[in-house]
């Protein structure tokens, strides 16, 4: 507990000369009790120091199904006081959206809160203090330490388990899978002993090194089917994107699996229809996943159809560059706002997996068309669409050399 801050806080409540004061305080893991010993020369001094004696410092955490009002009311704080605190907090945080486990530090004196503080957005601290019977809020930026980490390894039982063993943050794992899904179908292509490597950034708080926030992948590599993919995060005019070694934008490729965690259940080609019972051409791939799993746009494009078909059920069709189209069928529902003419970003959710239309069970039916004709999504060889210009490419190559200092090699 910072004693100077406490005295300044109380000075705003009481007019008193506090020079030549002798303060004694003790601390345990839950609260700090402040006691004062001195000879009082006036009644106002006595009021000030009796207040100091009653102050307690509490560290609290929001419990499941508990509101901020309930938390503070448990200390005898009246609802009007809680309302004023919540009102001061609202420009920075919505009290109703506070998460379970959110921690607070409060100074409390005889059921009256003197100050409240809480960390948010990882590196920010919101301080609320009473001044002249009004609550005032301020935000403090916490000091952080940035670190770049390099990791490499080989897939064991699964890529997820390998990342877990390497103590790579979960959000970095999701970034890696999202990046590589442009080139690798993790359900079919990835095998045991396949090589992976990455360089990623993290931040930790100087005041609490154990609090870590994952940043971004700076470099990602994977080797499957004797092919190696290397991707680099590179910033141009304040906008960061990922590029391959030749300077081509990663986002210009169609994602291999447009449903999160989807498992391939049926291939492209002739097959016996599970409902109709006779053999006919299956013009796409089927992916199984739990009901309601988000389905994403395989690439940047414009919606050219979105609605109902007796065969496809709820479906969406997207036009991409160079004559490519993608179709997504049997959705439980199409995401609100997805309609003809809407432009989409790659990876944007367009609907949710279901079993509508002519189908025997829940799955995503996914097709790729080239110049109006259905083609096998697995065999698609797409052209690069966007690349760095000559000047940008020269600087990009220099950036690649800076990444190579990590000496990542199989």
Protein backbone atom coordinates (compact mmCIF):
# COMPACT_ATOMS: atom_id res chain seq x y z
CA UNK A 1 0.00 0.00 0.00
CA UNK A 2 1.41 3.40 -0.99
CA UNK A 3 1.11 5.50 2.16
CA UNK A 4 1.65 8.81 0.36
CA UNK A 5 -1.32 8.11 -1.93
CA UNK A 6 -3.43 7.23 1.10
CA UNK A 7 -2.57 10.43 2.93
CA UNK A 8 -3.23 12.50 -0.19
CA UNK A 9 -6.56 10.74 -0.60
CA UNK A 10 -7.62 11.47 2.95
CA UNK A 11 -6.40 15.03 2.68
CA UNK A 12 -9.10 15.53 0.08
CA UNK A 13 -11.67 14.44 2.66
CA UNK A 14 -10.34 16.22 5.74
CA UNK A 15 -8.57 19.52 6.22
CA UNK A 16 -5.70 18.73 8.54
CA UNK A 17 -2.04 19.42 9.12
CA UNK A 18 -0.40 15.99 9.12
CA UNK A 19 3.22 16.98 9.60
CA UNK A 20 5.27 15.27 12.33
CA UNK A 21 2.94 12.27 12.24
CA UNK A 22 4.09 8.80 13.19
CA UNK A 23 2.37 6.01 11.20
CA UNK A 24 2.59 2.30 11.91
CA UNK A 25 1.03 -0.27 9.55
CA UNK A 26 1.02 -4.05 9.19
CA UNK A 27 0.22 -6.20 6.16
CA UNK A 28 -1.12 -9.71 5.54
CA UNK A 29 -2.19 -11.44 2.29
CA UNK A 30 -5.75 -10.11 2.39
CA UNK A 31 -5.79 -6.68 3.97
CA UNK A 32 -3.64 -3.87 5.27
CA UNK A 33 -4.55 -2.21 8.53
CA UNK A 34 -3.27 1.31 9.09
CA UNK A 35 -2.88 2.65 12.61
CA UNK A 36 -1.78 6.07 13.76
CA UNK A 37 -0.17 7.24 16.96
CA UNK A 38 0.30 10.90 17.73
CA UNK A 39 -0.76 13.70 20.08
CA UNK A 40 -3.77 15.50 18.63
CA UNK A 41 -3.77 19.28 18.88
CA UNK A 42 -7.26 19.75 17.43
CA UNK A 43 -10.57 18.02 16.95
CA UNK A 44 -10.08 17.91 13.17
CA UNK A 45 -6.78 16.08 13.67
CA UNK A 46 -8.54 13.53 15.83
CA UNK A 47 -11.18 13.01 13.14
CA UNK A 48 -8.51 12.55 10.48
CA UNK A 49 -6.51 9.99 12.43
CA UNK A 50 -9.51 8.07 13.68
CA UNK A 51 -10.43 7.65 10.00
CA UNK A 52 -6.92 6.39 9.21
CA UNK A 53 -7.21 3.81 11.99
CA UNK A 54 -10.38 2.37 10.46
CA UNK A 55 -9.10 2.03 6.88
CA UNK A 56 -8.71 -1.45 5.48
CA UNK A 57 -7.28 -2.55 2.16
CA UNK A 58 -9.07 -5.48 0.48
CA UNK A 59 -8.23 -7.57 -2.58
CA UNK A 60 -11.39 -9.04 -4.06
CA UNK A 61 -12.42 -11.24 -6.98
CA UNK A 62 -15.76 -11.41 -8.75
CA UNK A 63 -17.39 -14.81 -8.19
CA UNK A 64 -19.66 -16.75 -10.60
CA UNK A 65 -23.10 -15.10 -10.98
CA UNK A 66 -21.95 -12.21 -8.78
CA UNK A 67 -22.39 -8.57 -9.81
CA UNK A 68 -20.29 -5.60 -8.77
CA UNK A 69 -23.24 -4.36 -6.70
CA UNK A 70 -23.44 -7.66 -4.83
CA UNK A 71 -19.69 -7.74 -4.27
CA UNK A 72 -19.51 -4.27 -2.74
CA UNK A 73 -22.82 -4.60 -0.89
CA UNK A 74 -21.32 -7.53 1.03
CA UNK A 75 -19.13 -4.92 2.76
CA UNK A 76 -22.12 -2.81 3.71
CA UNK A 77 -21.72 -0.29 0.89
CA UNK A 78 -25.14 1.13 -0.02
CA UNK A 79 -26.55 0.85 -3.55
CA UNK A 80 -26.39 4.60 -4.16
CA UNK A 81 -22.64 4.53 -3.56
CA UNK A 82 -22.24 1.54 -5.89
CA UNK A 83 -24.26 3.35 -8.56
CA UNK A 84 -21.90 6.35 -8.43
CA UNK A 85 -18.87 4.07 -8.71
CA UNK A 86 -20.40 2.19 -11.66
CA UNK A 87 -21.25 5.46 -13.40
CA UNK A 88 -17.64 6.67 -13.10
CA UNK A 89 -16.37 3.34 -14.40
CA UNK A 90 -18.67 3.14 -17.45
CA UNK A 91 -16.60 5.26 -19.91
CA UNK A 92 -13.84 2.66 -19.61
CA UNK A 93 -15.58 -0.58 -18.61
CA UNK A 94 -19.17 -1.79 -18.59
CA UNK A 95 -19.86 -3.09 -15.03
CA UNK A 96 -22.46 -5.55 -16.38
CA UNK A 97 -19.79 -7.14 -18.62
CA UNK A 98 -17.17 -7.76 -15.93
CA UNK A 99 -15.87 -11.33 -16.10
CA UNK A 100 -15.75 -13.94 -13.35
CA UNK A 101 -12.38 -13.69 -11.61
CA UNK A 102 -11.98 -9.94 -12.24
CA UNK A 103 -9.91 -8.65 -9.34
CA UNK A 104 -10.31 -5.37 -7.45
CA UNK A 105 -8.42 -3.50 -4.76
CA UNK A 106 -10.44 -1.23 -2.50
CA UNK A 107 -9.78 1.06 0.44
CA UNK A 108 -12.72 0.85 2.82
CA UNK A 109 -13.49 2.88 5.93
CA UNK A 110 -16.59 2.13 7.99
CA UNK A 111 -18.64 0.86 5.03
CA UNK A 112 -17.48 3.77 2.92
CA UNK A 113 -15.27 3.17 -0.10
CA UNK A 114 -12.41 5.63 -0.46
CA UNK A 115 -10.87 4.20 -3.63
CA UNK A 116 -11.18 1.27 -6.03
CA UNK A 117 -8.74 0.04 -8.67
CA UNK A 118 -8.71 -2.79 -11.19
CA UNK A 119 -6.59 -4.01 -14.09
CA UNK A 120 -8.13 -4.37 -17.55
CA UNK A 121 -7.03 -4.90 -21.16
CA UNK A 122 -3.94 -6.60 -19.72
CA UNK A 123 -1.75 -3.48 -19.44
CA UNK A 124 -4.17 -0.87 -18.10
CA UNK A 125 -5.28 -0.01 -14.58
CA UNK A 126 -8.46 1.89 -13.79
CA UNK A 127 -8.25 3.97 -10.61
CA UNK A 128 -11.40 5.40 -9.02
CA UNK A 129 -11.06 7.80 -6.10
CA UNK A 130 -13.41 10.05 -4.16
CA UNK A 131 -12.60 13.75 -4.27
CA UNK A 132 -14.87 16.43 -2.83
CA UNK A 133 -17.66 13.83 -2.57
CA UNK A 134 -17.36 13.09 -6.30
CA UNK A 135 -15.92 9.96 -7.91
CA UNK A 136 -13.13 10.59 -10.40
CA UNK A 137 -11.64 8.01 -12.75
CA UNK A 138 -8.19 7.82 -14.31
CA UNK A 139 -6.41 5.18 -16.38
CA UNK A 140 -2.82 4.19 -15.75
CA UNK A 141 -0.74 2.40 -18.40
CA UNK A 142 1.23 -0.45 -16.82
CA UNK A 143 4.85 -1.04 -17.84
CA UNK A 144 5.39 -4.14 -19.99
CA UNK A 145 8.30 -6.21 -21.26
CA UNK A 146 8.22 -7.48 -24.88
CA UNK A 147 9.89 -10.77 -25.75
CA UNK A 148 10.35 -12.68 -29.00
CA UNK A 149 10.44 -16.46 -28.70
CA UNK A 150 11.52 -19.06 -31.27
CA UNK A 151 10.25 -22.65 -31.20
CA UNK A 152 10.66 -25.63 -33.48
CA UNK A 153 9.70 -29.27 -33.28
CA UNK A 154 8.02 -32.24 -34.88
CA UNK A 155 4.42 -33.34 -34.65
CA UNK A 156 3.86 -36.19 -32.21
CA UNK A 157 0.30 -37.38 -31.51
CA UNK A 158 -1.14 -34.08 -32.79
CA UNK A 159 -0.04 -30.55 -33.61
CA UNK A 160 -2.04 -29.25 -30.64
CA UNK A 161 -0.25 -31.61 -28.22
CA UNK A 162 3.12 -30.63 -29.69
CA UNK A 163 2.39 -26.92 -29.16
CA UNK A 164 1.13 -27.66 -25.65
CA UNK A 165 4.33 -29.51 -24.75
CA UNK A 166 6.39 -26.60 -26.09
CA UNK A 167 4.38 -24.24 -23.81
CA UNK A 168 3.26 -22.12 -26.75
CA UNK A 169 0.24 -19.90 -25.87
CA UNK A 170 -3.12 -21.18 -27.12
CA UNK A 171 -3.84 -17.99 -29.09
CA UNK A 172 -0.54 -18.45 -30.96
CA UNK A 173 -1.60 -22.02 -31.82
CA UNK A 174 -4.87 -20.70 -33.29
CA UNK A 175 -2.97 -18.06 -35.29
CA UNK A 176 -0.63 -20.73 -36.66
CA UNK A 177 -3.46 -23.04 -37.74
CA UNK A 178 -5.36 -20.14 -39.33
CA UNK A 179 -2.28 -19.06 -41.29
CA UNK A 180 -1.31 -22.50 -42.50
CA UNK A 181 -4.87 -23.49 -43.40
CA UNK A 182 -4.31 -21.61 -46.68
CA UNK A 183 -1.82 -24.30 -47.67
CA UNK A 184 -2.39 -27.34 -45.45
CA UNK A 185 -5.45 -29.44 -44.74
CA UNK A 186 -4.66 -30.42 -41.16
CA UNK A 187 -7.10 -33.35 -41.22
CA UNK A 188 -5.56 -35.04 -44.28
CA UNK A 189 -2.07 -33.66 -44.89
CA UNK A 190 -0.42 -33.52 -41.47
CA UNK A 191 1.46 -36.63 -40.33
CA UNK A 192 3.56 -37.62 -37.34
CA UNK A 193 7.14 -36.30 -37.50
CA UNK A 194 6.19 -33.39 -39.80
CA UNK A 195 8.29 -30.33 -38.95
CA UNK A 196 7.04 -26.99 -37.65
CA UNK A 197 8.76 -23.78 -36.51
CA UNK A 198 7.70 -20.30 -35.49
CA UNK A 199 8.83 -17.00 -34.00
CA UNK A 200 6.24 -15.17 -31.93
CA UNK A 201 6.01 -12.22 -29.55
CA UNK A 202 4.66 -12.00 -26.01
CA UNK A 203 4.29 -9.28 -23.40
CA UNK A 204 4.54 -9.53 -19.62
CA UNK A 205 3.86 -6.99 -16.89
CA UNK A 206 6.90 -5.59 -15.09
CA UNK A 207 4.90 -5.63 -11.86
CA UNK A 208 3.76 -9.23 -12.42
CA UNK A 209 6.03 -11.24 -14.77
CA UNK A 210 3.68 -14.21 -14.49
CA UNK A 211 0.96 -12.27 -16.33
CA UNK A 212 1.64 -12.93 -20.02
CA UNK A 213 -0.20 -11.78 -23.12
CA UNK A 214 0.47 -13.42 -26.47
CA UNK A 215 1.16 -11.09 -29.38
CA UNK A 216 1.57 -12.14 -33.00
CA UNK A 217 3.40 -14.77 -35.00
CA UNK A 218 6.33 -13.09 -36.73
CA UNK A 219 7.41 -16.16 -38.69
CA UNK A 220 5.73 -19.52 -39.31
CA UNK A 221 7.02 -22.61 -41.06
CA UNK A 222 5.66 -26.08 -41.74
CA UNK A 223 6.92 -29.01 -43.78
CA UNK A 224 4.36 -31.53 -45.07
CA UNK A 225 4.43 -33.91 -48.06
CA UNK A 226 8.07 -32.88 -48.68
CA UNK A 227 6.88 -29.31 -49.25
CA UNK A 228 7.91 -26.40 -47.02
CA UNK A 229 5.78 -23.31 -46.39
CA UNK A 230 7.41 -20.23 -44.83
CA UNK A 231 5.36 -17.15 -43.91
CA UNK A 232 6.40 -13.75 -42.55
CA UNK A 233 4.46 -11.01 -40.81
CA UNK A 234 5.40 -7.75 -42.52
CA UNK A 235 4.08 -4.24 -41.99
CA UNK A 236 3.53 -1.66 -44.76
CA UNK A 237 2.19 1.82 -43.97
CA UNK A 238 1.06 0.67 -40.54
CA UNK A 239 -0.85 -2.37 -41.82
CA UNK A 240 0.53 -5.84 -41.05
CA UNK A 241 -0.08 -8.86 -43.29
CA UNK A 242 1.55 -12.22 -43.91
CA UNK A 243 3.61 -12.96 -47.01
CA UNK A 244 5.43 -16.00 -48.36
CA UNK A 245 9.15 -15.96 -49.19
CA UNK A 246 8.49 -14.51 -52.65
CA UNK A 247 6.46 -11.59 -51.28
CA UNK A 248 2.99 -12.89 -52.16
CA UNK A 249 0.15 -12.01 -49.80
CA UNK A 250 -1.10 -15.05 -47.85
CA UNK A 251 -4.68 -13.80 -47.80
CA UNK A 252 -4.85 -14.21 -51.57
CA UNK A 253 -5.24 -18.01 -51.24
CA UNK A 254 -8.49 -19.87 -50.53
CA UNK A 255 -8.61 -21.55 -47.13
CA UNK A 256 -8.51 -25.34 -47.43
CA UNK A 257 -11.08 -26.11 -44.71
CA UNK A 258 -13.78 -23.44 -44.30
CA UNK A 259 -15.29 -24.88 -41.10
CA UNK A 260 -13.39 -24.82 -37.82
CA UNK A 261 -12.30 -28.30 -36.78
CA UNK A 262 -14.06 -29.86 -39.77
CA UNK A 263 -13.32 -33.52 -40.56
CA UNK A 264 -13.51 -34.63 -44.20
CA UNK A 265 -16.32 -37.18 -44.47
CA UNK A 266 -16.93 -37.41 -48.24
CA UNK A 267 -14.73 -36.71 -51.28
CA UNK A 268 -15.34 -35.17 -54.69
CA UNK A 269 -16.51 -37.65 -57.35
CA UNK A 270 -19.23 -40.18 -58.15
CA UNK A 271 -20.91 -41.81 -55.17
CA UNK A 272 -24.19 -43.34 -54.02
CA UNK A 273 -26.37 -40.51 -52.70
CA UNK A 274 -27.19 -41.17 -49.00
CA UNK A 275 -30.82 -39.98 -49.41
CA UNK A 276 -31.76 -40.64 -53.05
CA UNK A 277 -30.08 -44.05 -53.09
CA UNK A 278 -28.56 -43.94 -56.59
CA UNK A 279 -25.10 -43.03 -57.90
CA UNK A 280 -24.47 -39.48 -59.06
CA UNK A 281 -21.69 -36.91 -59.14
CA UNK A 282 -20.73 -35.39 -55.79
CA UNK A 283 -19.41 -31.98 -56.83
CA UNK A 284 -17.66 -31.01 -53.63
CA UNK A 285 -16.34 -32.07 -50.24
CA UNK A 286 -18.31 -32.82 -47.08
CA UNK A 287 -16.96 -31.81 -43.66
CA UNK A 288 -18.39 -33.11 -40.41
CA UNK A 289 -18.41 -30.97 -37.25
CA UNK A 290 -20.72 -30.26 -34.28
CA UNK A 291 -24.08 -28.65 -35.01
CA UNK A 292 -23.76 -24.85 -35.10
CA UNK A 293 -20.00 -24.77 -35.79
CA UNK A 294 -19.12 -21.48 -37.55
CA UNK A 295 -18.55 -21.66 -41.32
CA UNK A 296 -16.17 -19.08 -42.77
CA UNK A 297 -15.58 -17.52 -46.19
CA UNK A 298 -12.68 -19.36 -47.82
CA UNK A 299 -11.48 -16.13 -49.39
CA UNK A 300 -12.21 -12.47 -49.93
CA UNK A 301 -15.14 -11.92 -52.25
CA UNK A 302 -18.75 -10.88 -52.85
CA UNK A 303 -21.91 -12.85 -52.04
CA UNK A 304 -23.76 -13.69 -55.26
CA UNK A 305 -26.38 -16.00 -53.71
CA UNK A 306 -27.67 -16.51 -50.17
CA UNK A 307 -30.90 -18.27 -49.33
CA UNK A 308 -32.79 -21.55 -49.58
CA UNK A 309 -32.60 -24.44 -52.03
CA UNK A 310 -34.52 -27.72 -51.77
CA UNK A 311 -31.28 -29.59 -52.38
CA UNK A 312 -28.73 -27.39 -50.56
CA UNK A 313 -31.01 -26.10 -47.79
CA UNK A 314 -29.59 -22.84 -46.44
CA UNK A 315 -26.62 -22.00 -48.66
CA UNK A 316 -24.24 -19.18 -49.63
CA UNK A 317 -22.28 -18.71 -52.85
CA UNK A 318 -19.32 -16.30 -53.09
CA UNK A 319 -17.56 -14.82 -56.13
CA UNK A 320 -13.75 -14.52 -55.83
CA UNK A 321 -11.07 -13.21 -58.18
CA UNK A 322 -9.86 -15.00 -61.33
CA UNK A 323 -13.16 -16.78 -61.98
CA UNK A 324 -13.32 -18.73 -58.71
CA UNK A 325 -16.56 -19.25 -56.79
CA UNK A 326 -17.20 -21.14 -53.55
CA UNK A 327 -20.47 -22.65 -52.32
CA UNK A 328 -21.44 -23.61 -48.75
CA UNK A 329 -24.57 -25.74 -48.21
CA UNK A 330 -26.83 -27.41 -45.59
CA UNK A 331 -26.32 -24.62 -43.04
CA UNK A 332 -28.40 -24.55 -39.89
CA UNK A 333 -28.75 -20.85 -40.56
CA UNK A 334 -27.09 -18.09 -42.55
CA UNK A 335 -25.47 -15.38 -40.44
CA UNK A 336 -27.53 -12.21 -40.16
CA UNK A 337 -26.48 -9.61 -42.73
CA UNK A 338 -25.14 -12.13 -45.25
CA UNK A 339 -27.06 -11.45 -48.48
CA UNK A 340 -26.49 -10.89 -52.18
CA UNK A 341 -24.04 -8.06 -52.86
CA UNK A 342 -22.34 -8.12 -49.45
CA UNK A 343 -18.53 -8.05 -49.61
CA UNK A 344 -16.69 -10.41 -47.29
CA UNK A 345 -13.25 -10.67 -45.77
CA UNK A 346 -11.44 -13.97 -45.81
CA UNK A 347 -12.27 -15.92 -42.65
CA UNK A 348 -15.47 -13.98 -41.95
CA UNK A 349 -18.29 -16.12 -40.53
CA UNK A 350 -21.10 -16.60 -43.07
CA UNK A 351 -23.25 -19.21 -41.34
CA UNK A 352 -23.44 -22.21 -39.04
CA UNK A 353 -23.19 -25.93 -39.74
CA UNK A 354 -26.46 -27.83 -39.94
CA UNK A 355 -28.46 -30.45 -41.83
CA UNK A 356 -30.97 -28.50 -43.93
CA UNK A 357 -31.96 -29.55 -47.44
CA UNK A 358 -31.45 -32.98 -48.99
CA UNK A 359 -29.06 -34.56 -46.50
CA UNK A 360 -28.87 -37.55 -44.18
CA UNK A 361 -27.02 -35.75 -41.38
CA UNK A 362 -25.28 -32.59 -40.26
CA UNK A 363 -22.27 -31.48 -42.31
CA UNK A 364 -20.94 -28.72 -44.56
CA UNK A 365 -21.08 -29.39 -48.29
CA UNK A 366 -18.33 -27.25 -49.87
CA UNK A 367 -17.80 -26.66 -53.59
CA UNK A 368 -15.26 -24.69 -55.64
CA UNK A 369 -16.19 -23.57 -59.15
CA UNK A 370 -13.80 -22.28 -61.80
CA UNK A 371 -15.42 -20.26 -64.59
CA UNK A 372 -18.81 -21.73 -63.68
CA UNK A 373 -17.73 -25.39 -63.52
CA UNK A 374 -17.36 -27.43 -60.31
CA UNK A 375 -13.81 -28.68 -59.71
CA UNK A 376 -12.17 -30.86 -57.08
CA UNK A 377 -11.26 -28.55 -54.14
CA UNK A 378 -8.35 -30.80 -53.16
CA UNK A 379 -6.62 -30.52 -56.53
CA UNK A 380 -7.03 -26.75 -56.93
CA UNK A 381 -3.77 -24.99 -57.83
CA UNK A 382 -4.45 -21.33 -57.27
CA UNK A 383 -2.53 -18.45 -58.76
CA UNK A 384 -0.89 -15.81 -56.59
CA UNK A 385 -2.98 -12.67 -56.65
CA UNK A 386 -1.22 -9.89 -54.72
CA UNK A 387 2.50 -9.32 -54.26
CA UNK A 388 4.91 -6.66 -53.00
CA UNK A 389 6.32 -4.17 -55.49
CA UNK A 390 10.03 -4.02 -56.31
CA UNK A 391 10.93 -1.48 -53.61
CA UNK A 392 8.83 -3.22 -50.93
CA UNK A 393 10.29 -6.59 -51.89
CA UNK A 394 13.85 -5.33 -51.33
CA UNK A 395 13.00 -4.19 -47.79
CA UNK A 396 11.06 -7.41 -47.21
CA UNK A 397 14.13 -9.51 -48.06
CA UNK A 398 16.12 -7.54 -45.48
CA UNK A 399 13.41 -8.29 -42.93
CA UNK A 400 13.64 -12.01 -43.76
CA UNK A 401 17.37 -11.90 -42.99
CA UNK A 402 16.60 -10.40 -39.57
CA UNK A 403 14.28 -13.33 -38.81
CA UNK A 404 16.97 -15.81 -39.85
CA UNK A 405 19.09 -14.72 -36.87
CA UNK A 406 16.97 -17.08 -34.76
CA UNK A 407 18.72 -19.99 -36.55
CA UNK A 408 15.57 -22.06 -36.94
CA UNK A 409 16.32 -25.16 -39.00
CA UNK A 410 15.09 -28.77 -39.00
